[in-house]
């Protein structure tokens, strides 16, 4: 596949980017190298290779739940700019 100005412009439009002439030439070179690499991968025989669902064989690596010191509701609300006795008060964001 050949990388041309039309392809670079289409990608730039989709990504909402603007390139000058020097950047276009650098991008053309980088895209061509990527496409060449992917085309090289297509030469490999993958007929007997199972699809990989996960990157590692590790599953459910979780840390132990531990109770950590926490602050009281009053301490949490004391620096809030607006609050009730139990909750933070925030401006209404849903319009009817």
PDB file of N, CA and C in Angstrom:
ATOM      1  N   UNK A   1       0.853  -1.177   0.000  1.00  0.00           N
ATOM      2  CA  UNK A   1       0.000   0.000   0.000  1.00  0.00           C
ATOM      3  C   UNK A   1       0.897   1.237   0.000  1.00  0.00           C
ATOM      4  N   UNK A   2       0.547   2.164  -0.832  1.00  0.00           N
ATOM      5  CA  UNK A   2       1.337   3.390  -0.954  1.00  0.00           C
ATOM      6  C   UNK A   2       0.702   4.517  -0.148  1.00  0.00           C
ATOM      7  N   UNK A   3       1.537   5.194   0.619  1.00  0.00           N
ATOM      8  CA  UNK A   3       1.065   6.350   1.394  1.00  0.00           C
ATOM      9  C   UNK A   3       1.201   7.582   0.508  1.00  0.00           C
ATOM     10  N   UNK A   4       0.069   8.232   0.227  1.00  0.00           N
ATOM     11  CA  UNK A   4       0.103   9.428  -0.620  1.00  0.00           C
ATOM     12  C   UNK A   4      -0.490  10.609   0.145  1.00  0.00           C
ATOM     13  N   UNK A   5      -0.481  11.767  -0.509  1.00  0.00           N
ATOM     14  CA  UNK A   5      -0.982  12.990   0.134  1.00  0.00           C
ATOM     15  C   UNK A   5      -2.457  12.882   0.500  1.00  0.00           C
ATOM     16  N   UNK A   6      -3.233  12.206  -0.343  1.00  0.00           N
ATOM     17  CA  UNK A   6      -4.668  12.072  -0.063  1.00  0.00           C
ATOM     18  C   UNK A   6      -4.898  11.273   1.226  1.00  0.00           C
ATOM     19  N   UNK A   7      -4.134  10.201   1.428  1.00  0.00           N
ATOM     20  CA  UNK A   7      -4.262   9.396   2.648  1.00  0.00           C
ATOM     21  C   UNK A   7      -3.860  10.206   3.869  1.00  0.00           C
ATOM     22  N   UNK A   8      -2.765  10.917   3.784  1.00  0.00           N
ATOM     23  CA  UNK A   8      -2.313  11.743   4.912  1.00  0.00           C
ATOM     24  C   UNK A   8      -3.339  12.820   5.224  1.00  0.00           C
ATOM     25  N   UNK A   9      -3.908  13.450   4.197  1.00  0.00           N
ATOM     26  CA  UNK A   9      -4.919  14.484   4.420  1.00  0.00           C
ATOM     27  C   UNK A   9      -6.173  13.885   5.042  1.00  0.00           C
ATOM     28  N   UNK A  10      -6.579  12.704   4.596  1.00  0.00           N
ATOM     29  CA  UNK A  10      -7.758  12.053   5.159  1.00  0.00           C
ATOM     30  C   UNK A  10      -7.538  11.721   6.634  1.00  0.00           C
ATOM     31  N   UNK A  11      -6.372  11.171   6.957  1.00  0.00           N
ATOM     32  CA  UNK A  11      -6.060  10.866   8.356  1.00  0.00           C
ATOM     33  C   UNK A  11      -5.991  12.128   9.196  1.00  0.00           C
ATOM     34  N   UNK A  12      -5.418  13.189   8.648  1.00  0.00           N
ATOM     35  CA  UNK A  12      -5.328  14.459   9.369  1.00  0.00           C
ATOM     36  C   UNK A  12      -6.716  15.023   9.623  1.00  0.00           C
ATOM     37  N   UNK A  13      -7.596  14.912   8.645  1.00  0.00           N
ATOM     38  CA  UNK A  13      -8.969  15.406   8.813  1.00  0.00           C
ATOM     39  C   UNK A  13      -9.695  14.606   9.881  1.00  0.00           C
ATOM     40  N   UNK A  14      -9.574  13.278   9.840  1.00  0.00           N
ATOM     41  CA  UNK A  14     -10.232  12.436  10.837  1.00  0.00           C
ATOM     42  C   UNK A  14      -9.706  12.698  12.244  1.00  0.00           C
ATOM     43  N   UNK A  15      -8.394  12.952  12.348  1.00  0.00           N
ATOM     44  CA  UNK A  15      -7.785  13.207  13.652  1.00  0.00           C
ATOM     45  C   UNK A  15      -7.841  14.677  14.040  1.00  0.00           C
ATOM     46  N   UNK A  16      -8.355  15.506  13.133  1.00  0.00           N
ATOM     47  CA  UNK A  16      -8.441  16.957  13.346  1.00  0.00           C
ATOM     48  C   UNK A  16      -7.066  17.559  13.655  1.00  0.00           C
ATOM     49  N   UNK A  17      -6.116  17.202  12.799  1.00  0.00           N
ATOM     50  CA  UNK A  17      -4.747  17.693  12.927  1.00  0.00           C
ATOM     51  C   UNK A  17      -4.379  18.487  11.685  1.00  0.00           C
ATOM     52  N   UNK A  18      -3.409  19.366  11.834  1.00  0.00           N
ATOM     53  CA  UNK A  18      -2.874  20.115  10.702  1.00  0.00           C
ATOM     54  C   UNK A  18      -1.373  19.901  10.664  1.00  0.00           C
ATOM     55  N   UNK A  19      -0.831  19.660   9.478  1.00  0.00           N
ATOM     56  CA  UNK A  19       0.597  19.412   9.311  1.00  0.00           C
ATOM     57  C   UNK A  19       1.179  20.380   8.298  1.00  0.00           C
ATOM     58  N   UNK A  20       2.421  20.791   8.550  1.00  0.00           N
ATOM     59  CA  UNK A  20       3.119  21.560   7.527  1.00  0.00           C
ATOM     60  C   UNK A  20       3.826  20.579   6.590  1.00  0.00           C
ATOM     61  N   UNK A  21       4.504  21.082   5.567  1.00  0.00           N
ATOM     62  CA  UNK A  21       5.112  20.222   4.554  1.00  0.00           C
ATOM     63  C   UNK A  21       6.161  19.280   5.152  1.00  0.00           C
ATOM     64  N   UNK A  22       6.966  19.782   6.076  1.00  0.00           N
ATOM     65  CA  UNK A  22       7.988  18.939   6.696  1.00  0.00           C
ATOM     66  C   UNK A  22       7.381  17.818   7.526  1.00  0.00           C
ATOM     67  N   UNK A  23       6.340  18.158   8.250  1.00  0.00           N
ATOM     68  CA  UNK A  23       5.667  17.140   9.067  1.00  0.00           C
ATOM     69  C   UNK A  23       4.980  16.104   8.189  1.00  0.00           C
ATOM     70  N   UNK A  24       4.414  16.540   7.071  1.00  0.00           N
ATOM     71  CA  UNK A  24       3.761  15.601   6.157  1.00  0.00           C
ATOM     72  C   UNK A  24       4.755  14.561   5.636  1.00  0.00           C
ATOM     73  N   UNK A  25       5.949  15.013   5.290  1.00  0.00           N
ATOM     74  CA  UNK A  25       6.960  14.095   4.765  1.00  0.00           C
ATOM     75  C   UNK A  25       7.394  13.108   5.851  1.00  0.00           C
ATOM     76  N   UNK A  26       7.551  13.578   7.077  1.00  0.00           N
ATOM     77  CA  UNK A  26       7.922  12.695   8.193  1.00  0.00           C
ATOM     78  C   UNK A  26       6.806  11.686   8.470  1.00  0.00           C
ATOM     79  N   UNK A  27       5.566  12.149   8.433  1.00  0.00           N
ATOM     80  CA  UNK A  27       4.424  11.261   8.660  1.00  0.00           C
ATOM     81  C   UNK A  27       4.321  10.244   7.528  1.00  0.00           C
ATOM     82  N   UNK A  28       4.555  10.686   6.306  1.00  0.00           N
ATOM     83  CA  UNK A  28       4.527   9.763   5.168  1.00  0.00           C
ATOM     84  C   UNK A  28       5.547   8.633   5.377  1.00  0.00           C
ATOM     85  N   UNK A  29       6.742   9.003   5.791  1.00  0.00           N
ATOM     86  CA  UNK A  29       7.796   8.010   6.023  1.00  0.00           C
ATOM     87  C   UNK A  29       7.394   7.052   7.153  1.00  0.00           C
ATOM     88  N   UNK A  30       6.898   7.586   8.265  1.00  0.00           N
ATOM     89  CA  UNK A  30       6.502   6.739   9.402  1.00  0.00           C
ATOM     90  C   UNK A  30       5.357   5.805   9.029  1.00  0.00           C
ATOM     91  N   UNK A  31       4.342   6.321   8.334  1.00  0.00           N
ATOM     92  CA  UNK A  31       3.216   5.483   7.928  1.00  0.00           C
ATOM     93  C   UNK A  31       3.667   4.373   6.978  1.00  0.00           C
ATOM     94  N   UNK A  32       4.558   4.703   6.063  1.00  0.00           N
ATOM     95  CA  UNK A  32       5.050   3.689   5.128  1.00  0.00           C
ATOM     96  C   UNK A  32       5.803   2.596   5.863  1.00  0.00           C
ATOM     97  N   UNK A  33       6.589   2.969   6.861  1.00  0.00           N
ATOM     98  CA  UNK A  33       7.304   1.960   7.659  1.00  0.00           C
ATOM     99  C   UNK A  33       6.330   1.063   8.419  1.00  0.00           C
ATOM    100  N   UNK A  34       5.264   1.647   8.980  1.00  0.00           N
ATOM    101  CA  UNK A  34       4.266   0.850   9.704  1.00  0.00           C
ATOM    102  C   UNK A  34       3.552  -0.116   8.771  1.00  0.00           C
ATOM    103  N   UNK A  35       3.153   0.365   7.614  1.00  0.00           N
ATOM    104  CA  UNK A  35       2.434  -0.479   6.669  1.00  0.00           C
ATOM    105  C   UNK A  35       3.336  -1.607   6.172  1.00  0.00           C
ATOM    106  N   UNK A  36       4.598  -1.310   5.921  1.00  0.00           N
ATOM    107  CA  UNK A  36       5.543  -2.339   5.502  1.00  0.00           C
ATOM    108  C   UNK A  36       5.691  -3.402   6.577  1.00  0.00           C
ATOM    109  N   UNK A  37       5.733  -2.982   7.838  1.00  0.00           N
ATOM    110  CA  UNK A  37       5.851  -3.931   8.949  1.00  0.00           C
ATOM    111  C   UNK A  37       4.622  -4.835   9.007  1.00  0.00           C
ATOM    112  N   UNK A  38       3.432  -4.264   8.893  1.00  0.00           N
ATOM    113  CA  UNK A  38       2.204  -5.058   8.956  1.00  0.00           C
ATOM    114  C   UNK A  38       2.127  -6.005   7.761  1.00  0.00           C
ATOM    115  N   UNK A  39       2.535  -5.554   6.592  1.00  0.00           N
ATOM    116  CA  UNK A  39       2.543  -6.427   5.421  1.00  0.00           C
ATOM    117  C   UNK A  39       3.520  -7.575   5.606  1.00  0.00           C
ATOM    118  N   UNK A  40       4.630  -7.326   6.272  1.00  0.00           N
ATOM    119  CA  UNK A  40       5.601  -8.383   6.554  1.00  0.00           C
ATOM    120  C   UNK A  40       4.993  -9.420   7.496  1.00  0.00           C
ATOM    121  N   UNK A  41       4.198  -8.978   8.471  1.00  0.00           N
ATOM    122  CA  UNK A  41       3.552  -9.904   9.392  1.00  0.00           C
ATOM    123  C   UNK A  41       2.562 -10.814   8.675  1.00  0.00           C
ATOM    124  N   UNK A  42       1.954 -10.325   7.604  1.00  0.00           N
ATOM    125  CA  UNK A  42       0.971 -11.137   6.893  1.00  0.00           C
ATOM    126  C   UNK A  42       1.611 -12.328   6.181  1.00  0.00           C
ATOM    127  N   UNK A  43       2.924 -12.346   6.078  1.00  0.00           N
ATOM    128  CA  UNK A  43       3.624 -13.475   5.466  1.00  0.00           C
ATOM    129  C   UNK A  43       3.716 -14.670   6.405  1.00  0.00           C
ATOM    130  N   UNK A  44       3.483 -14.462   7.696  1.00  0.00           N
ATOM    131  CA  UNK A  44       3.590 -15.548   8.663  1.00  0.00           C
ATOM    132  C   UNK A  44       2.417 -16.504   8.548  1.00  0.00           C
ATOM    133  N   UNK A  45       2.693 -17.802   8.778  1.00  0.00           N
ATOM    134  CA  UNK A  45       1.642 -18.811   8.776  1.00  0.00           C
ATOM    135  C   UNK A  45       1.045 -18.874  10.183  1.00  0.00           C
ATOM    136  N   UNK A  46      -0.191 -18.451  10.320  1.00  0.00           N
ATOM    137  CA  UNK A  46      -0.855 -18.447  11.628  1.00  0.00           C
ATOM    138  C   UNK A  46      -2.022 -19.433  11.666  1.00  0.00           C
ATOM    139  N   UNK A  47      -2.007 -20.422  10.787  1.00  0.00           N
ATOM    140  CA  UNK A  47      -3.122 -21.364  10.683  1.00  0.00           C
ATOM    141  C   UNK A  47      -3.338 -22.139  11.981  1.00  0.00           C
ATOM    142  N   UNK A  48      -2.276 -22.517  12.675  1.00  0.00           N
ATOM    143  CA  UNK A  48      -2.408 -23.336  13.884  1.00  0.00           C
ATOM    144  C   UNK A  48      -2.211 -22.535  15.167  1.00  0.00           C
ATOM    145  N   UNK A  49      -2.316 -21.226  15.087  1.00  0.00           N
ATOM    146  CA  UNK A  49      -2.139 -20.370  16.262  1.00  0.00           C
ATOM    147  C   UNK A  49      -3.511 -20.001  16.801  1.00  0.00           C
ATOM    148  N   UNK A  50      -3.730 -20.319  18.079  1.00  0.00           N
ATOM    149  CA  UNK A  50      -5.012 -19.998  18.703  1.00  0.00           C
ATOM    150  C   UNK A  50      -5.062 -18.511  19.036  1.00  0.00           C
ATOM    151  N   UNK A  51      -6.229 -17.917  18.918  1.00  0.00           N
ATOM    152  CA  UNK A  51      -6.357 -16.503  19.297  1.00  0.00           C
ATOM    153  C   UNK A  51      -6.068 -16.325  20.781  1.00  0.00           C
ATOM    154  N   UNK A  52      -5.443 -15.221  21.116  1.00  0.00           N
ATOM    155  CA  UNK A  52      -5.099 -14.959  22.506  1.00  0.00           C
ATOM    156  C   UNK A  52      -6.121 -13.994  23.089  1.00  0.00           C
ATOM    157  N   UNK A  53      -6.761 -14.414  24.188  1.00  0.00           N
ATOM    158  CA  UNK A  53      -7.758 -13.572  24.824  1.00  0.00           C
ATOM    159  C   UNK A  53      -7.142 -12.610  25.819  1.00  0.00           C
ATOM    160  N   UNK A  54      -6.077 -13.057  26.507  1.00  0.00           N
ATOM    161  CA  UNK A  54      -5.437 -12.236  27.519  1.00  0.00           C
ATOM    162  C   UNK A  54      -3.937 -12.213  27.273  1.00  0.00           C
ATOM    163  N   UNK A  55      -3.293 -11.147  27.698  1.00  0.00           N
ATOM    164  CA  UNK A  55      -1.860 -11.002  27.459  1.00  0.00           C
ATOM    165  C   UNK A  55      -1.018 -11.906  28.350  1.00  0.00           C
ATOM    166  N   UNK A  56      -1.535 -12.280  29.515  1.00  0.00           N
ATOM    167  CA  UNK A  56      -0.790 -13.156  30.418  1.00  0.00           C
ATOM    168  C   UNK A  56      -1.689 -14.278  30.890  1.00  0.00           C
ATOM    169  N   UNK A  57      -1.086 -15.282  31.489  1.00  0.00           N
ATOM    170  CA  UNK A  57      -1.851 -16.395  32.047  1.00  0.00           C
ATOM    171  C   UNK A  57      -2.331 -16.072  33.459  1.00  0.00           C
ATOM    172  N   UNK A  58      -1.898 -14.952  34.010  1.00  0.00           N
ATOM    173  CA  UNK A  58      -2.298 -14.571  35.358  1.00  0.00           C
ATOM    174  C   UNK A  58      -3.771 -14.199  35.382  1.00  0.00           C
ATOM    175  N   UNK A  59      -4.462 -14.660  36.410  1.00  0.00           N
ATOM    176  CA  UNK A  59      -5.871 -14.305  36.558  1.00  0.00           C
ATOM    177  C   UNK A  59      -6.140 -13.870  37.986  1.00  0.00           C
ATOM    178  N   UNK A  60      -7.002 -12.906  38.118  1.00  0.00           N
ATOM    179  CA  UNK A  60      -7.481 -12.449  39.423  1.00  0.00           C
ATOM    180  C   UNK A  60      -6.359 -12.163  40.410  1.00  0.00           C
ATOM    181  N   UNK A  61      -5.419 -11.359  39.994  1.00  0.00           N
ATOM    182  CA  UNK A  61      -4.358 -10.948  40.915  1.00  0.00           C
ATOM    183  C   UNK A  61      -4.886  -9.736  41.663  1.00  0.00           C
ATOM    184  N   UNK A  62      -5.338  -9.975  42.865  1.00  0.00           N
ATOM    185  CA  UNK A  62      -5.951  -8.923  43.655  1.00  0.00           C
ATOM    186  C   UNK A  62      -5.193  -8.763  44.960  1.00  0.00           C
ATOM    187  N   UNK A  63      -5.268  -7.603  45.533  1.00  0.00           N
ATOM    188  CA  UNK A  63      -4.656  -7.392  46.830  1.00  0.00           C
ATOM    189  C   UNK A  63      -5.667  -7.738  47.909  1.00  0.00           C
ATOM    190  N   UNK A  64      -5.183  -8.005  49.072  1.00  0.00           N
ATOM    191  CA  UNK A  64      -6.060  -8.279  50.201  1.00  0.00           C
ATOM    192  C   UNK A  64      -6.781  -7.006  50.605  1.00  0.00           C
ATOM    193  N   UNK A  65      -8.046  -7.130  50.962  1.00  0.00           N
ATOM    194  CA  UNK A  65      -8.780  -5.991  51.489  1.00  0.00           C
ATOM    195  C   UNK A  65      -8.286  -5.707  52.903  1.00  0.00           C
ATOM    196  N   UNK A  66      -7.894  -4.480  53.122  1.00  0.00           N
ATOM    197  CA  UNK A  66      -7.461  -4.091  54.466  1.00  0.00           C
ATOM    198  C   UNK A  66      -8.201  -2.825  54.851  1.00  0.00           C
ATOM    199  N   UNK A  67      -8.563  -2.754  56.109  1.00  0.00           N
ATOM    200  CA  UNK A  67      -9.250  -1.574  56.615  1.00  0.00           C
ATOM    201  C   UNK A  67      -8.198  -0.527  56.918  1.00  0.00           C
ATOM    202  N   UNK A  68      -8.336   0.632  56.305  1.00  0.00           N
ATOM    203  CA  UNK A  68      -7.392   1.717  56.509  1.00  0.00           C
ATOM    204  C   UNK A  68      -8.065   2.812  57.323  1.00  0.00           C
ATOM    205  N   UNK A  69      -7.281   3.623  57.984  1.00  0.00           N
ATOM    206  CA  UNK A  69      -7.887   4.730  58.722  1.00  0.00           C
ATOM    207  C   UNK A  69      -8.645   5.645  57.757  1.00  0.00           C
ATOM    208  N   UNK A  70      -9.805   6.103  58.180  1.00  0.00           N
ATOM    209  CA  UNK A  70     -10.568   7.006  57.337  1.00  0.00           C
ATOM    210  C   UNK A  70     -10.990   8.219  58.148  1.00  0.00           C
ATOM    211  N   UNK A  71     -11.567   9.179  57.452  1.00  0.00           N
ATOM    212  CA  UNK A  71     -11.976  10.396  58.145  1.00  0.00           C
ATOM    213  C   UNK A  71     -13.480  10.346  58.386  1.00  0.00           C
ATOM    214  N   UNK A  72     -13.930  11.090  59.346  1.00  0.00           N
ATOM    215  CA  UNK A  72     -15.358  11.133  59.648  1.00  0.00           C
ATOM    216  C   UNK A  72     -16.076  11.995  58.610  1.00  0.00           C
ATOM    217  N   UNK A  73     -17.382  11.896  58.580  1.00  0.00           N
ATOM    218  CA  UNK A  73     -18.186  12.693  57.660  1.00  0.00           C
ATOM    219  C   UNK A  73     -17.968  14.182  57.923  1.00  0.00           C
ATOM    220  N   UNK A  74     -17.923  14.558  59.169  1.00  0.00           N
ATOM    221  CA  UNK A  74     -17.734  15.969  59.517  1.00  0.00           C
ATOM    222  C   UNK A  74     -16.391  16.480  59.015  1.00  0.00           C
ATOM    223  N   UNK A  75     -15.334  15.673  59.164  1.00  0.00           N
ATOM    224  CA  UNK A  75     -14.016  16.081  58.681  1.00  0.00           C
ATOM    225  C   UNK A  75     -14.005  16.199  57.152  1.00  0.00           C
ATOM    226  N   UNK A  76     -14.708  15.300  56.485  1.00  0.00           N
ATOM    227  CA  UNK A  76     -14.763  15.348  55.032  1.00  0.00           C
ATOM    228  C   UNK A  76     -15.518  16.561  54.511  1.00  0.00           C
ATOM    229  N   UNK A  77     -16.529  16.986  55.237  1.00  0.00           N
ATOM    230  CA  UNK A  77     -17.351  18.104  54.790  1.00  0.00           C
ATOM    231  C   UNK A  77     -16.826  19.471  55.218  1.00  0.00           C
ATOM    232  N   UNK A  78     -15.881  19.512  56.131  1.00  0.00           N
ATOM    233  CA  UNK A  78     -15.482  20.806  56.688  1.00  0.00           C
ATOM    234  C   UNK A  78     -14.837  21.744  55.670  1.00  0.00           C
ATOM    235  N   UNK A  79     -14.184  21.240  54.640  1.00  0.00           N
ATOM    236  CA  UNK A  79     -13.565  22.104  53.622  1.00  0.00           C
ATOM    237  C   UNK A  79     -14.429  22.295  52.389  1.00  0.00           C
ATOM    238  N   UNK A  80     -15.614  21.702  52.378  1.00  0.00           N
ATOM    239  CA  UNK A  80     -16.501  21.838  51.214  1.00  0.00           C
ATOM    240  C   UNK A  80     -17.055  23.254  51.167  1.00  0.00           C
ATOM    241  N   UNK A  81     -17.117  23.860  49.983  1.00  0.00           N
ATOM    242  CA  UNK A  81     -17.653  25.217  49.886  1.00  0.00           C
ATOM    243  C   UNK A  81     -19.133  25.279  50.234  1.00  0.00           C
ATOM    244  N   UNK A  82     -19.871  24.212  49.962  1.00  0.00           N
ATOM    245  CA  UNK A  82     -21.292  24.172  50.304  1.00  0.00           C
ATOM    246  C   UNK A  82     -21.658  22.738  50.655  1.00  0.00           C
ATOM    247  N   UNK A  83     -22.386  22.586  51.736  1.00  0.00           N
ATOM    248  CA  UNK A  83     -22.792  21.243  52.148  1.00  0.00           C
ATOM    249  C   UNK A  83     -23.966  21.319  53.105  1.00  0.00           C
ATOM    250  N   UNK A  84     -24.647  20.191  53.244  1.00  0.00           N
ATOM    251  CA  UNK A  84     -25.688  20.054  54.254  1.00  0.00           C
ATOM    252  C   UNK A  84     -25.045  19.319  55.430  1.00  0.00           C
ATOM    253  N   UNK A  85     -25.845  18.827  56.328  1.00  0.00           N
ATOM    254  CA  UNK A  85     -25.291  18.094  57.462  1.00  0.00           C
ATOM    255  C   UNK A  85     -24.677  16.767  57.027  1.00  0.00           C
ATOM    256  N   UNK A  86     -25.131  16.228  55.892  1.00  0.00           N
ATOM    257  CA  UNK A  86     -24.656  14.911  55.477  1.00  0.00           C
ATOM    258  C   UNK A  86     -24.004  14.851  54.099  1.00  0.00           C
ATOM    259  N   UNK A  87     -24.282  15.819  53.205  1.00  0.00           N
ATOM    260  CA  UNK A  87     -23.855  15.699  51.822  1.00  0.00           C
ATOM    261  C   UNK A  87     -23.194  16.975  51.303  1.00  0.00           C
ATOM    262  N   UNK A  88     -22.360  16.796  50.243  1.00  0.00           N
ATOM    263  CA  UNK A  88     -21.832  17.936  49.512  1.00  0.00           C
ATOM    264  C   UNK A  88     -22.966  18.553  48.713  1.00  0.00           C
ATOM    265  N   UNK A  89     -23.000  19.859  48.600  1.00  0.00           N
ATOM    266  CA  UNK A  89     -23.973  20.557  47.756  1.00  0.00           C
ATOM    267  C   UNK A  89     -23.255  21.006  46.490  1.00  0.00           C
ATOM    268  N   UNK A  90     -23.824  20.666  45.351  1.00  0.00           N
ATOM    269  CA  UNK A  90     -23.233  21.046  44.069  1.00  0.00           C
ATOM    270  C   UNK A  90     -24.292  21.728  43.227  1.00  0.00           C
ATOM    271  N   UNK A  91     -23.870  22.540  42.257  1.00  0.00           N
ATOM    272  CA  UNK A  91     -24.848  23.199  41.386  1.00  0.00           C
ATOM    273  C   UNK A  91     -25.623  22.173  40.559  1.00  0.00           C
ATOM    274  N   UNK A  92     -26.863  22.509  40.245  1.00  0.00           N
ATOM    275  CA  UNK A  92     -27.703  21.652  39.429  1.00  0.00           C
ATOM    276  C   UNK A  92     -27.125  21.587  38.014  1.00  0.00           C
ATOM    277  N   UNK A  93     -27.007  20.397  37.453  1.00  0.00           N
ATOM    278  CA  UNK A  93     -26.427  20.254  36.126  1.00  0.00           C
ATOM    279  C   UNK A  93     -27.418  19.696  35.112  1.00  0.00           C
ATOM    280  N   UNK A  94     -28.580  19.251  35.554  1.00  0.00           N
ATOM    281  CA  UNK A  94     -29.574  18.705  34.650  1.00  0.00           C
ATOM    282  C   UNK A  94     -30.681  19.732  34.470  1.00  0.00           C
ATOM    283  N   UNK A  95     -30.946  20.071  33.210  1.00  0.00           N
ATOM    284  CA  UNK A  95     -32.003  21.036  32.915  1.00  0.00           C
ATOM    285  C   UNK A  95     -33.252  20.293  32.488  1.00  0.00           C
ATOM    286  N   UNK A  96     -34.402  20.830  32.867  1.00  0.00           N
ATOM    287  CA  UNK A  96     -35.665  20.208  32.476  1.00  0.00           C
ATOM    288  C   UNK A  96     -36.136  20.741  31.172  1.00  0.00           C
TER     289      UNK A  96
END
